[in-house]
C-alpha atoms as a PDB file:
ATOM      1  CA  MET A   1     101.282 189.081 110.239  1.00  0.00           C
ATOM      2  CA  LEU A   2     102.854 186.646 107.823  1.00  0.00           C
ATOM      3  CA  HIS A   3     103.817 187.732 104.343  1.00  0.00           C
ATOM      4  CA  LEU A   4     104.761 185.123 101.801  1.00  0.00           C
ATOM      5  CA  HIS A   5     105.146 185.709  98.101  1.00  0.00           C
ATOM      6  CA  LEU A   6     106.470 182.845  96.045  1.00  0.00           C
ATOM      7  CA  THR A   7     108.638 183.492  93.049  1.00  0.00           C
ATOM      8  CA  ASP A   8     107.770 181.808  89.771  1.00  0.00           C
ATOM      9  CA  THR A   9     110.711 179.430  90.262  1.00  0.00           C
ATOM     10  CA  GLN A  10     109.552 178.461  93.753  1.00  0.00           C
ATOM     11  CA  ARG A  11     106.000 177.954  92.521  1.00  0.00           C
ATOM     12  CA  ILE A  12     107.215 175.630  89.725  1.00  0.00           C
ATOM     13  CA  GLU A  13     109.381 173.680  92.201  1.00  0.00           C
ATOM     14  CA  LEU A  14     106.456 173.294  94.609  1.00  0.00           C
ATOM     15  CA  GLN A  15     104.110 172.164  91.840  1.00  0.00           C
ATOM     16  CA  ALA A  16     106.710 169.575  90.758  1.00  0.00           C
ATOM     17  CA  LEU A  17     107.133 168.464  94.375  1.00  0.00           C
ATOM     18  CA  ARG A  18     103.372 168.068  94.612  1.00  0.00           C
ATOM     19  CA  ARG A  19     103.498 165.268  92.013  1.00  0.00           C
ATOM     20  CA  THR A  20     106.072 163.226  93.958  1.00  0.00           C
ATOM     21  CA  ASN A  21     105.489 160.689  96.709  1.00  0.00           C
ATOM     22  CA  LEU A  22     105.301 162.753  99.885  1.00  0.00           C
ATOM     23  CA  SER A  23     104.304 161.834 103.391  1.00  0.00           C
ATOM     24  CA  THR A  24     100.965 163.148 104.625  1.00  0.00           C
ATOM     25  CA  VAL A  25     102.637 165.765 106.820  1.00  0.00           C
ATOM     26  CA  SER A  26     104.824 167.018 103.975  1.00  0.00           C
ATOM     27  CA  ARG A  27     101.907 167.088 101.544  1.00  0.00           C
ATOM     28  CA  ASN A  28      99.801 169.115 104.004  1.00  0.00           C
ATOM     29  CA  ARG A  29     102.652 171.577 104.531  1.00  0.00           C
ATOM     30  CA  LEU A  30     103.032 171.967 100.783  1.00  0.00           C
ATOM     31  CA  GLU A  31      99.313 172.628 100.364  1.00  0.00           C
ATOM     32  CA  MET A  32      99.448 175.202 103.159  1.00  0.00           C
ATOM     33  CA  ILE A  33     102.187 177.115 101.355  1.00  0.00           C
ATOM     34  CA  LEU A  34     100.435 177.019  97.993  1.00  0.00           C
ATOM     35  CA  LEU A  35      97.058 178.060  99.435  1.00  0.00           C
ATOM     36  CA  PHE A  36      98.646 180.879 101.424  1.00  0.00           C
ATOM     37  CA  ASP A  37     100.306 182.104  98.233  1.00  0.00           C
ATOM     38  CA  LEU A  38      96.855 182.182  96.604  1.00  0.00           C
ATOM     39  CA  GLY A  39      95.692 184.575  99.324  1.00  0.00           C
ATOM     40  CA  TRP A  40      94.020 182.229 101.779  1.00  0.00           C
ATOM     41  CA  SER A  41      94.337 183.083 105.481  1.00  0.00           C
ATOM     42  CA  ALA A  42      95.914 180.711 107.997  1.00  0.00           C
ATOM     43  CA  PRO A  43      92.588 179.988 109.780  1.00  0.00           C
ATOM     44  CA  ARG A  44      90.857 179.304 106.459  1.00  0.00           C
ATOM     45  CA  ILE A  45      93.641 176.918 105.377  1.00  0.00           C
ATOM     46  CA  ALA A  46      93.481 175.179 108.767  1.00  0.00           C
ATOM     47  CA  THR A  47      89.722 174.680 108.448  1.00  0.00           C
ATOM     48  CA  TYR A  48      90.104 173.380 104.886  1.00  0.00           C
ATOM     49  CA  LEU A  49      92.858 170.890 105.820  1.00  0.00           C
ATOM     50  CA  GLY A  50      91.342 169.943 109.182  1.00  0.00           C
ATOM     51  CA  CYS A  51      94.139 171.143 111.429  1.00  0.00           C
ATOM     52  CA  HIS A  52      94.714 173.913 113.958  1.00  0.00           C
ATOM     53  CA  PRO A  53      95.611 177.460 112.767  1.00  0.00           C
ATOM     54  CA  HIS A  54      98.800 177.301 114.856  1.00  0.00           C
ATOM     55  CA  THR A  55      99.880 174.285 112.797  1.00  0.00           C
ATOM     56  CA  THR A  56      99.352 176.265 109.611  1.00  0.00           C
ATOM     57  CA  ARG A  57     101.261 179.270 110.914  1.00  0.00           C
ATOM     58  CA  ALA A  58     104.105 177.038 112.090  1.00  0.00           C
ATOM     59  CA  ALA A  59     104.357 175.478 108.612  1.00  0.00           C
ATOM     60  CA  LEU A  60     104.376 178.904 106.984  1.00  0.00           C
ATOM     61  CA  LYS A  61     107.037 180.208 109.371  1.00  0.00           C
ATOM     62  CA  GLY A  62     109.057 177.053 108.787  1.00  0.00           C
ATOM     63  CA  PHE A  63     108.926 177.610 105.039  1.00  0.00           C
ATOM     64  CA  LEU A  64     109.984 181.232 105.463  1.00  0.00           C
ATOM     65  CA  ALA A  65     112.908 180.168 107.661  1.00  0.00           C
ATOM     66  CA  SER A  66     114.178 177.111 105.793  1.00  0.00           C
ATOM     67  CA  ASP A  67     112.535 177.094 102.355  1.00  0.00           C
ATOM     68  CA  MET A  68     112.236 173.536 100.920  1.00  0.00           C
ATOM     69  CA  ALA A  69     113.695 171.873 104.031  1.00  0.00           C
ATOM     70  CA  ALA A  70     110.401 172.690 105.805  1.00  0.00           C
ATOM     71  CA  PHE A  71     108.701 169.786 104.015  1.00  0.00           C
ATOM     72  CA  THR A  72     110.756 167.084 105.665  1.00  0.00           C
ATOM     73  CA  PRO A  73     109.714 166.816 109.304  1.00  0.00           C
ATOM     74  CA  GLU A  74     112.476 166.517 111.865  1.00  0.00           C
ATOM     75  CA  LEU A  75     112.755 163.264 113.738  1.00  0.00           C
ATOM     76  CA  PRO A  76     111.759 163.557 117.393  1.00  0.00           C
ATOM     77  CA  GLY A  77     114.304 163.077 120.125  1.00  0.00           C
ATOM     78  CA  PRO A  78     118.079 163.169 120.134  1.00  0.00           C
ATOM     79  CA  GLU A  79     120.341 161.408 117.674  1.00  0.00           C
ATOM     80  CA  PRO A  80     121.124 157.796 118.607  1.00  0.00           C
ATOM     81  CA  ASP A  81     124.337 157.273 120.585  1.00  0.00           C
ATOM     82  CA  HIS A  82     126.060 154.809 118.251  1.00  0.00           C
ATOM     83  CA  VAL A  83     129.195 154.509 120.404  1.00  0.00           C
ATOM     84  CA  ARG A  84     127.175 153.461 123.444  1.00  0.00           C
ATOM     85  CA  ARG A  85     125.087 151.089 121.338  1.00  0.00           C
ATOM     86  CA  GLU A  86     128.233 149.389 120.050  1.00  0.00           C
ATOM     87  CA  ARG A  87     129.642 149.132 123.585  1.00  0.00           C
ATOM     88  CA  VAL A  88     126.452 147.563 124.974  1.00  0.00           C
ATOM     89  CA  THR A  89     125.919 145.156 122.077  1.00  0.00           C
ATOM     90  CA  GLY A  90     129.595 144.137 122.182  1.00  0.00           C
ATOM     91  CA  ARG A  91     129.434 143.384 125.893  1.00  0.00           C
ATOM     92  CA  LEU A  92     126.135 141.510 125.482  1.00  0.00           C
ATOM     93  CA  ALA A  93     127.638 139.432 122.654  1.00  0.00           C
ATOM     94  CA  GLU A  94     130.526 138.497 124.986  1.00  0.00           C
ATOM     95  CA  LEU A  95     128.138 137.481 127.744  1.00  0.00           C
ATOM     96  CA  LEU A  96     125.928 135.475 125.398  1.00  0.00           C
ATOM     97  CA  GLY A  97     129.008 133.626 124.159  1.00  0.00           C
ATOM     98  CA  GLN A  98     129.441 132.083 127.604  1.00  0.00           C
ATOM     99  CA  ASP A  99     128.151 128.578 128.232  1.00  0.00           C
ATOM    100  CA  ARG A 100     125.232 129.490 130.482  1.00  0.00           C
ATOM    101  CA  THR A 101     121.646 130.656 130.392  1.00  0.00           C
ATOM    102  CA  TRP A 102     120.910 134.313 131.103  1.00  0.00           C
ATOM    103  CA  THR A 103     117.744 136.169 131.972  1.00  0.00           C
ATOM    104  CA  SER A 104     117.373 139.761 130.872  1.00  0.00           C
ATOM    105  CA  ARG A 105     117.462 140.894 134.513  1.00  0.00           C
ATOM    106  CA  GLN A 106     120.727 139.036 135.088  1.00  0.00           C
ATOM    107  CA  LEU A 107     122.247 140.617 131.987  1.00  0.00           C
ATOM    108  CA  ALA A 108     121.158 144.080 133.157  1.00  0.00           C
ATOM    109  CA  GLU A 109     122.827 143.460 136.551  1.00  0.00           C
ATOM    110  CA  VAL A 110     126.059 142.209 134.961  1.00  0.00           C
ATOM    111  CA  LEU A 111     126.210 145.306 132.727  1.00  0.00           C
ATOM    112  CA  ARG A 112     125.940 147.747 135.685  1.00  0.00           C
ATOM    113  CA  PRO A 113     129.599 147.453 136.827  1.00  0.00           C
ATOM    114  CA  ASP A 114     130.617 148.236 133.226  1.00  0.00           C
ATOM    115  CA  GLY A 115     128.878 151.611 133.514  1.00  0.00           C
ATOM    116  CA  VAL A 116     125.797 150.556 131.557  1.00  0.00           C
ATOM    117  CA  ALA A 117     122.719 151.264 133.662  1.00  0.00           C
ATOM    118  CA  ILE A 118     119.806 149.895 131.664  1.00  0.00           C
ATOM    119  CA  GLY A 119     116.754 147.900 132.662  1.00  0.00           C
ATOM    120  CA  HIS A 120     115.811 144.405 131.653  1.00  0.00           C
ATOM    121  CA  ARG A 121     113.370 145.638 129.006  1.00  0.00           C
ATOM    122  CA  GLN A 122     116.090 147.681 127.327  1.00  0.00           C
ATOM    123  CA  VAL A 123     118.332 144.608 127.441  1.00  0.00           C
ATOM    124  CA  ARG A 124     115.651 142.769 125.456  1.00  0.00           C
ATOM    125  CA  ARG A 125     115.718 145.522 122.825  1.00  0.00           C
ATOM    126  CA  TYR A 126     119.485 145.194 122.521  1.00  0.00           C
ATOM    127  CA  LEU A 127     119.098 141.422 122.229  1.00  0.00           C
ATOM    128  CA  GLY A 128     116.722 142.099 119.349  1.00  0.00           C
ATOM    129  CA  LEU A 129     119.400 144.229 117.660  1.00  0.00           C
ATOM    130  CA  LEU A 130     121.797 141.310 118.024  1.00  0.00           C
ATOM    131  CA  LYS A 131     119.165 138.947 116.582  1.00  0.00           C
ATOM    132  CA  ALA A 132     119.736 136.859 119.700  1.00  0.00           C
ATOM    133  CA  GLY A 133     117.014 134.386 120.449  1.00  0.00           C
ATOM    134  CA  TYR A 134     115.297 135.307 123.667  1.00  0.00           C
ATOM    135  CA  ARG A 135     113.114 132.908 125.552  1.00  0.00           C
ATOM    136  CA  ARG A 136     111.980 132.884 129.126  1.00  0.00           C
ATOM    137  CA  THR A 137     113.519 130.188 131.256  1.00  0.00           C
ATOM    138  CA  ALA A 138     111.217 127.402 132.336  1.00  0.00           C
ATOM    139  CA  GLN A 139     110.097 127.477 135.930  1.00  0.00           C
ATOM    140  CA  THR A 140     110.432 124.029 137.435  1.00  0.00           C
ATOM    141  CA  VAL A 141     109.981 122.595 140.886  1.00  0.00           C
ATOM    142  CA  GLY A 142     112.366 119.661 140.384  1.00  0.00           C
ATOM    143  CA  HIS A 143     114.746 120.982 143.003  1.00  0.00           C
ATOM    144  CA  LYS A 144     111.943 120.981 145.607  1.00  0.00           C
ATOM    145  CA  GLN A 145     110.804 117.382 145.056  1.00  0.00           C
ATOM    146  CA  ASN A 146     111.316 114.569 147.553  1.00  0.00           C
ATOM    147  CA  PRO A 147     113.334 111.827 145.797  1.00  0.00           C
ATOM    148  CA  LYS A 148     111.557 109.000 147.689  1.00  0.00           C
ATOM    149  CA  LYS A 149     108.122 110.239 146.674  1.00  0.00           C
ATOM    150  CA  VAL A 150     109.229 110.740 143.073  1.00  0.00           C
ATOM    151  CA  GLY A 151     110.553 107.147 142.918  1.00  0.00           C
ATOM    152  CA  ARG A 152     107.317 105.763 144.351  1.00  0.00           C
ATOM    153  CA  ALA A 153     105.208 107.771 141.898  1.00  0.00           C
ATOM    154  CA  GLU A 154     107.322 106.544 138.984  1.00  0.00           C
ATOM    155  CA  ARG A 155     106.860 102.905 140.066  1.00  0.00           C
ATOM    156  CA  VAL A 156     103.101 103.393 140.355  1.00  0.00           C
ATOM    157  CA  LEU A 157     102.975 104.992 136.893  1.00  0.00           C
ATOM    158  CA  ASP A 158     105.082 102.197 135.401  1.00  0.00           C
ATOM    159  CA  GLY A 159     102.727  99.625 136.903  1.00  0.00           C
ATOM    160  CA  LEU A 160      99.745 101.418 135.417  1.00  0.00           C
ATOM    161  CA  LYS A 161     101.305 101.575 131.977  1.00  0.00           C
ATOM    162  CA  ILE A 162     101.939  97.846 131.895  1.00  0.00           C
ATOM    163  CA  SER A 163      98.590  96.669 133.194  1.00  0.00           C
ATOM    164  CA  GLY A 164      96.479  99.354 131.530  1.00  0.00           C
ATOM    165  CA  ARG A 165      94.248  99.757 134.597  1.00  0.00           C
ATOM    166  CA  ARG A 166      93.354 102.899 136.441  1.00  0.00           C
ATOM    167  CA  PRO A 167      94.195 103.486 140.095  1.00  0.00           C
ATOM    168  CA  GLY A 168      91.453 102.158 142.366  1.00  0.00           C
ATOM    169  CA  GLU A 169      90.120  99.751 139.729  1.00  0.00           C
ATOM    170  CA  ALA A 170      89.612  96.233 140.849  1.00  0.00           C
ATOM    171  CA  VAL A 171      91.487  93.537 139.017  1.00  0.00           C
ATOM    172  CA  LEU A 172      89.017  91.014 137.639  1.00  0.00           C
ATOM    173  CA  PRO A 173      90.087  87.367 137.286  1.00  0.00           C
END
């Protein structure tokens, strides 16, 4: 059974906090505390605010454990690894400084021997951090073309451009 009795000072602080710009989660937590102090039960508060009673009890327990810090929700996941981020972005900047075109998969493969095992999608995110322009390379078939056929096609096209006739059209005198 939860027991929460706010002091006059806490009540004044919470009322003042109520008038500030709070996120929806923080505002709901604040309302839960104030309603509980008025004698409302956790299930009744949950019904009123449209949440689950466990959410209400968790907010109340959080307030009991950490007072005002309970209104700022913790960020999910671990803290970012800034050292690793600097290492990866530094290495990517070196690679992008070379006079060649890279795909994200190629960059991911080149980073592996350096101890950076990330996928091509993560490479794209790091490229975004570097504000590096990313564009897919064009897929061409130029290397598979027969030079004799290409030359013949170019001559035919040049002839069509000059005369203005379509292939198969008869030339009228």
